[in-house]
Amino acid sequence: MRPTQLLLKSGRSAWKGPYFVAFPQLREALDNHVPIKTQARACSILPAFVGIRFLVHNGRDHVPVMVSQDMVGHKLGEFAPTKKCFSSLRRGGRRQSARCAGPRGCYRRRGRAGSR
């Protein structure tokens, strides 16, 4: 097995090889440090992409992703999150988590439902 195939092992069959998109502006990105805008989240990161900045679409806007050696073999979409991070809400002067939004849904204050 070739060393590149060992690096790029993924869920695909070995005879198919990694899935990647041919980026026509790859040479320009290497020379002028111009980011490559793409919507190909399923594209595998190849060793040739190290040091290149991609703008990966997350469904709403393009997220900058700088490719490092540790990212080789992963997908571009793994580094552009599509959902917001968990944040706590502030209601009524107290801090509550988004999961604990109201008096009926709050398990922390009263214990589990049915137990008193």
N, C-alpha and C. Protein backbone atom coordinates (compact mmCIF):
# COMPACT_ATOMS: atom_id res chain seq x y z
N MET A 1 0.85 -1.18 0.00
CA MET A 1 0.00 0.00 0.00
C MET A 1 0.89 1.24 0.00
N ARG A 2 0.51 2.22 -0.76
CA ARG A 2 1.30 3.44 -0.84
C ARG A 2 1.16 4.27 0.44
N PRO A 3 2.19 5.06 0.81
CA PRO A 3 2.11 5.84 2.05
C PRO A 3 0.99 6.87 2.04
N THR A 4 0.65 7.41 0.86
CA THR A 4 -0.43 8.39 0.79
C THR A 4 -1.77 7.73 1.11
N GLN A 5 -1.96 6.50 0.67
CA GLN A 5 -3.20 5.80 0.96
C GLN A 5 -3.33 5.50 2.45
N LEU A 6 -2.20 5.23 3.11
CA LEU A 6 -2.26 5.01 4.55
C LEU A 6 -2.67 6.28 5.28
N LEU A 7 -2.18 7.41 4.78
CA LEU A 7 -2.52 8.69 5.39
C LEU A 7 -3.98 9.05 5.18
N LEU A 8 -4.50 8.75 4.02
CA LEU A 8 -5.83 9.19 3.63
C LEU A 8 -6.88 8.10 3.81
N LYS A 9 -6.66 7.19 4.71
CA LYS A 9 -7.62 6.13 4.96
C LYS A 9 -8.92 6.74 5.46
N SER A 10 -10.02 6.36 4.89
CA SER A 10 -11.31 6.88 5.34
C SER A 10 -12.36 5.81 5.11
N GLY A 11 -13.61 6.18 5.09
CA GLY A 11 -14.70 5.25 4.94
C GLY A 11 -14.84 4.69 3.54
N ARG A 12 -14.09 5.22 2.60
CA ARG A 12 -14.20 4.73 1.23
C ARG A 12 -13.33 3.49 1.02
N SER A 13 -13.64 2.76 -0.03
CA SER A 13 -12.83 1.60 -0.38
C SER A 13 -11.44 2.05 -0.83
N ALA A 14 -10.46 1.18 -0.62
CA ALA A 14 -9.09 1.53 -0.97
C ALA A 14 -8.93 1.69 -2.48
N TRP A 15 -9.65 0.90 -3.27
CA TRP A 15 -9.48 0.99 -4.71
C TRP A 15 -10.12 2.25 -5.27
N LYS A 16 -11.06 2.87 -4.55
CA LYS A 16 -11.67 4.11 -5.03
C LYS A 16 -10.77 5.31 -4.78
N GLY A 17 -10.02 5.29 -3.69
CA GLY A 17 -9.17 6.42 -3.35
C GLY A 17 -9.97 7.51 -2.65
N PRO A 18 -9.30 8.58 -2.22
CA PRO A 18 -10.01 9.64 -1.50
C PRO A 18 -10.85 10.48 -2.45
N TYR A 19 -11.95 11.03 -1.92
CA TYR A 19 -12.79 11.93 -2.71
C TYR A 19 -12.24 13.34 -2.58
N PHE A 20 -11.96 13.98 -3.68
CA PHE A 20 -11.52 15.36 -3.65
C PHE A 20 -12.00 16.08 -4.89
N VAL A 21 -12.05 17.39 -4.80
CA VAL A 21 -12.49 18.24 -5.89
C VAL A 21 -11.27 18.91 -6.47
N ALA A 22 -11.20 18.99 -7.79
CA ALA A 22 -10.09 19.68 -8.43
C ALA A 22 -10.34 21.19 -8.33
N PHE A 23 -9.44 21.88 -7.63
CA PHE A 23 -9.56 23.32 -7.47
C PHE A 23 -8.69 24.00 -8.52
N PRO A 24 -9.29 24.69 -9.50
CA PRO A 24 -8.48 25.32 -10.56
C PRO A 24 -7.60 26.45 -10.03
N GLN A 25 -7.98 27.09 -8.94
CA GLN A 25 -7.20 28.21 -8.41
C GLN A 25 -6.20 27.76 -7.34
N LEU A 26 -5.86 26.48 -7.30
CA LEU A 26 -4.94 25.96 -6.30
C LEU A 26 -3.54 26.55 -6.44
N ARG A 27 -3.06 26.67 -7.66
CA ARG A 27 -1.72 27.22 -7.91
C ARG A 27 -1.65 28.69 -7.47
N GLU A 28 -2.70 29.43 -7.77
CA GLU A 28 -2.73 30.85 -7.38
C GLU A 28 -2.78 30.99 -5.85
N ALA A 29 -3.50 30.08 -5.20
CA ALA A 29 -3.59 30.13 -3.74
C ALA A 29 -2.24 29.83 -3.09
N LEU A 30 -1.48 28.93 -3.68
CA LEU A 30 -0.15 28.62 -3.15
C LEU A 30 0.81 29.78 -3.34
N ASP A 31 0.74 30.45 -4.50
CA ASP A 31 1.68 31.53 -4.80
C ASP A 31 1.33 32.83 -4.09
N ASN A 32 0.05 33.23 -4.13
CA ASN A 32 -0.35 34.55 -3.64
C ASN A 32 -1.08 34.53 -2.31
N HIS A 33 -1.23 33.36 -1.69
CA HIS A 33 -1.93 33.21 -0.41
C HIS A 33 -3.37 33.73 -0.48
N VAL A 34 -4.04 33.44 -1.59
CA VAL A 34 -5.44 33.81 -1.77
C VAL A 34 -6.30 32.64 -1.29
N PRO A 35 -7.33 32.89 -0.47
CA PRO A 35 -8.17 31.77 -0.01
C PRO A 35 -9.03 31.22 -1.14
N ILE A 36 -9.30 29.92 -1.08
CA ILE A 36 -10.14 29.24 -2.06
C ILE A 36 -11.53 29.10 -1.48
N LYS A 37 -12.52 29.66 -2.14
CA LYS A 37 -13.90 29.59 -1.68
C LYS A 37 -14.54 28.32 -2.25
N THR A 38 -15.11 27.49 -1.37
CA THR A 38 -15.68 26.22 -1.82
C THR A 38 -16.92 25.84 -1.02
N GLN A 39 -17.76 25.03 -1.63
CA GLN A 39 -18.91 24.44 -0.96
C GLN A 39 -18.74 22.93 -0.82
N ALA A 40 -17.60 22.42 -1.23
CA ALA A 40 -17.33 20.99 -1.20
C ALA A 40 -16.88 20.58 0.20
N ARG A 41 -17.83 20.35 1.10
CA ARG A 41 -17.51 19.98 2.48
C ARG A 41 -17.02 18.54 2.57
N ALA A 42 -17.38 17.70 1.60
CA ALA A 42 -17.02 16.28 1.63
C ALA A 42 -15.65 16.01 1.02
N CYS A 43 -14.98 17.03 0.56
CA CYS A 43 -13.67 16.88 -0.08
C CYS A 43 -12.62 16.48 0.96
N SER A 44 -11.85 15.44 0.66
CA SER A 44 -10.77 15.01 1.55
C SER A 44 -9.60 15.98 1.43
N ILE A 45 -8.93 16.21 2.55
CA ILE A 45 -7.77 17.11 2.56
C ILE A 45 -6.54 16.30 2.18
N LEU A 46 -5.88 16.70 1.12
CA LEU A 46 -4.69 16.02 0.61
C LEU A 46 -3.43 16.68 1.15
N PRO A 47 -2.29 15.99 1.12
CA PRO A 47 -1.05 16.60 1.58
C PRO A 47 -0.66 17.85 0.79
N ALA A 48 -1.13 17.97 -0.45
CA ALA A 48 -0.81 19.15 -1.26
C ALA A 48 -1.55 20.39 -0.78
N PHE A 49 -2.59 20.23 0.05
CA PHE A 49 -3.39 21.36 0.53
C PHE A 49 -2.81 22.01 1.78
N VAL A 50 -1.74 21.47 2.34
CA VAL A 50 -1.17 21.99 3.59
C VAL A 50 -0.66 23.41 3.35
N GLY A 51 -1.09 24.33 4.21
CA GLY A 51 -0.67 25.72 4.11
C GLY A 51 -1.63 26.59 3.32
N ILE A 52 -2.67 26.02 2.77
CA ILE A 52 -3.64 26.77 1.97
C ILE A 52 -4.83 27.14 2.85
N ARG A 53 -5.37 28.32 2.64
CA ARG A 53 -6.55 28.77 3.36
C ARG A 53 -7.77 28.55 2.47
N PHE A 54 -8.77 27.85 3.03
CA PHE A 54 -10.03 27.60 2.35
C PHE A 54 -11.14 28.40 3.02
N LEU A 55 -12.14 28.79 2.26
CA LEU A 55 -13.35 29.38 2.80
C LEU A 55 -14.45 28.35 2.56
N VAL A 56 -14.79 27.59 3.60
CA VAL A 56 -15.71 26.46 3.49
C VAL A 56 -17.12 26.93 3.86
N HIS A 57 -18.09 26.61 3.03
CA HIS A 57 -19.47 27.03 3.27
C HIS A 57 -20.09 26.17 4.36
N ASN A 58 -20.76 26.82 5.34
CA ASN A 58 -21.38 26.07 6.43
C ASN A 58 -22.90 26.12 6.37
N GLY A 59 -23.46 26.56 5.26
CA GLY A 59 -24.90 26.65 5.11
C GLY A 59 -25.40 28.08 5.14
N ARG A 60 -24.63 28.95 5.77
CA ARG A 60 -25.02 30.35 5.86
C ARG A 60 -23.95 31.27 5.29
N ASP A 61 -22.72 31.07 5.68
CA ASP A 61 -21.62 31.88 5.17
C ASP A 61 -20.38 31.01 5.03
N HIS A 62 -19.27 31.61 4.62
CA HIS A 62 -18.04 30.86 4.43
C HIS A 62 -17.12 31.05 5.63
N VAL A 63 -16.67 29.93 6.19
CA VAL A 63 -15.82 29.92 7.37
C VAL A 63 -14.37 29.71 6.93
N PRO A 64 -13.42 30.55 7.40
CA PRO A 64 -12.02 30.35 7.01
C PRO A 64 -11.41 29.13 7.70
N VAL A 65 -10.73 28.30 6.91
CA VAL A 65 -10.07 27.11 7.43
C VAL A 65 -8.64 27.10 6.88
N MET A 66 -7.68 27.14 7.77
CA MET A 66 -6.27 27.06 7.38
C MET A 66 -5.83 25.62 7.56
N VAL A 67 -5.39 24.98 6.49
CA VAL A 67 -5.06 23.56 6.51
C VAL A 67 -3.66 23.35 7.09
N SER A 68 -3.57 22.46 8.08
CA SER A 68 -2.28 22.10 8.67
C SER A 68 -2.01 20.61 8.41
N GLN A 69 -0.86 20.15 8.81
CA GLN A 69 -0.47 18.76 8.57
C GLN A 69 -1.37 17.79 9.32
N ASP A 70 -1.87 18.19 10.48
CA ASP A 70 -2.74 17.31 11.27
C ASP A 70 -4.10 17.07 10.62
N MET A 71 -4.51 17.93 9.69
CA MET A 71 -5.82 17.82 9.06
C MET A 71 -5.84 16.88 7.85
N VAL A 72 -4.67 16.42 7.42
CA VAL A 72 -4.58 15.58 6.22
C VAL A 72 -5.35 14.28 6.46
N GLY A 73 -6.22 13.95 5.52
CA GLY A 73 -7.02 12.74 5.61
C GLY A 73 -8.43 12.99 6.11
N HIS A 74 -8.67 14.15 6.71
CA HIS A 74 -10.01 14.50 7.18
C HIS A 74 -10.77 15.20 6.05
N LYS A 75 -12.01 15.56 6.31
CA LYS A 75 -12.84 16.27 5.34
C LYS A 75 -12.82 17.76 5.66
N LEU A 76 -13.03 18.61 4.64
CA LEU A 76 -13.06 20.05 4.85
C LEU A 76 -14.22 20.45 5.75
N GLY A 77 -15.34 19.76 5.64
CA GLY A 77 -16.52 20.11 6.41
C GLY A 77 -16.38 19.87 7.90
N GLU A 78 -15.41 19.08 8.32
CA GLU A 78 -15.21 18.82 9.75
C GLU A 78 -14.72 20.06 10.49
N PHE A 79 -14.17 21.02 9.77
CA PHE A 79 -13.58 22.19 10.40
C PHE A 79 -14.41 23.44 10.21
N ALA A 80 -15.62 23.30 9.68
CA ALA A 80 -16.55 24.41 9.52
C ALA A 80 -17.88 24.00 10.15
N PRO A 81 -18.08 24.32 11.44
CA PRO A 81 -19.29 23.87 12.13
C PRO A 81 -20.55 24.50 11.52
N THR A 82 -21.60 23.70 11.46
CA THR A 82 -22.85 24.16 10.86
C THR A 82 -23.85 24.64 11.89
N LYS A 83 -23.63 24.33 13.14
CA LYS A 83 -24.57 24.72 14.20
C LYS A 83 -23.88 25.65 15.19
N LYS A 84 -24.69 26.45 15.87
CA LYS A 84 -24.15 27.36 16.87
C LYS A 84 -23.73 26.57 18.10
N CYS A 85 -22.77 27.12 18.83
CA CYS A 85 -22.32 26.50 20.07
C CYS A 85 -23.35 26.72 21.16
N PHE A 86 -23.32 25.88 22.18
CA PHE A 86 -24.22 26.02 23.31
C PHE A 86 -23.90 27.30 24.05
N SER A 87 -24.94 28.06 24.39
CA SER A 87 -24.75 29.26 25.18
C SER A 87 -25.87 29.36 26.21
N SER A 88 -25.57 29.95 27.34
CA SER A 88 -26.59 30.07 28.37
C SER A 88 -27.41 31.32 28.13
N LEU A 89 -28.68 31.27 28.49
CA LEU A 89 -29.58 32.39 28.31
C LEU A 89 -29.73 33.15 29.62
N ARG A 90 -30.12 34.38 29.53
CA ARG A 90 -30.32 35.18 30.73
C ARG A 90 -31.78 35.63 30.75
N ARG A 91 -32.52 35.13 31.72
CA ARG A 91 -33.94 35.47 31.85
C ARG A 91 -34.24 35.86 33.28
N GLY A 92 -34.91 36.96 33.45
CA GLY A 92 -35.34 37.38 34.78
C GLY A 92 -34.20 37.67 35.74
N GLY A 93 -33.07 38.10 35.23
CA GLY A 93 -31.95 38.43 36.10
C GLY A 93 -31.14 37.24 36.55
N ARG A 94 -31.58 36.02 36.25
CA ARG A 94 -30.84 34.82 36.64
C ARG A 94 -30.25 34.18 35.39
N ARG A 95 -29.26 33.41 35.62
CA ARG A 95 -28.63 32.71 34.51
C ARG A 95 -29.20 31.31 34.43
N GLN A 96 -29.76 30.96 33.28
CA GLN A 96 -30.28 29.62 33.06
C GLN A 96 -29.69 29.08 31.77
N SER A 97 -29.58 27.78 31.71
CA SER A 97 -29.07 27.20 30.47
C SER A 97 -30.20 27.14 29.46
N ALA A 98 -29.86 27.00 28.20
CA ALA A 98 -30.87 26.95 27.15
C ALA A 98 -31.73 25.70 27.29
N ARG A 99 -31.19 24.65 27.88
CA ARG A 99 -31.94 23.42 28.08
C ARG A 99 -32.97 23.58 29.20
N CYS A 100 -32.66 24.40 30.15
CA CYS A 100 -33.50 24.62 31.32
C CYS A 100 -34.24 25.94 31.14
N ALA A 101 -35.16 25.99 30.18
CA ALA A 101 -35.73 27.27 29.76
C ALA A 101 -36.88 27.76 30.62
N GLY A 102 -37.66 26.89 31.21
CA GLY A 102 -38.82 27.36 31.95
C GLY A 102 -39.02 26.58 33.23
N PRO A 103 -40.05 26.95 34.03
CA PRO A 103 -40.27 26.26 35.30
C PRO A 103 -40.68 24.81 35.13
N ARG A 104 -41.32 24.44 34.03
CA ARG A 104 -41.73 23.04 33.84
C ARG A 104 -40.60 22.18 33.29
N GLY A 105 -39.67 22.78 32.58
CA GLY A 105 -38.59 22.02 31.98
C GLY A 105 -37.35 21.95 32.82
N CYS A 106 -37.36 22.57 33.99
CA CYS A 106 -36.16 22.65 34.80
C CYS A 106 -36.06 21.46 35.75
N TYR A 107 -35.09 20.59 35.54
CA TYR A 107 -34.90 19.43 36.40
C TYR A 107 -33.94 19.75 37.53
N ARG A 108 -33.17 20.78 37.41
CA ARG A 108 -32.16 21.07 38.42
C ARG A 108 -32.78 21.58 39.72
N ARG A 109 -33.82 22.39 39.60
CA ARG A 109 -34.41 23.00 40.79
C ARG A 109 -35.27 22.02 41.56
N ARG A 110 -36.11 21.27 40.86
CA ARG A 110 -37.10 20.43 41.53
C ARG A 110 -36.77 18.95 41.49
N GLY A 111 -35.70 18.57 40.92
CA GLY A 111 -35.42 17.15 40.77
C GLY A 111 -36.16 16.61 39.56
N ARG A 112 -36.20 15.31 39.42
CA ARG A 112 -36.89 14.70 38.29
C ARG A 112 -38.39 14.86 38.43
N ALA A 113 -39.10 14.83 37.31
CA ALA A 113 -40.55 14.98 37.32
C ALA A 113 -41.18 13.83 38.09
N GLY A 114 -42.09 14.12 39.01
CA GLY A 114 -42.76 13.09 39.78
C GLY A 114 -42.14 12.83 41.13
N SER A 115 -40.90 13.24 41.34
CA SER A 115 -40.27 13.01 42.64
C SER A 115 -40.28 14.30 43.44
N ARG A 116 -40.77 14.25 44.64
CA ARG A 116 -40.84 15.44 45.50
C ARG A 116 -40.16 15.20 46.81
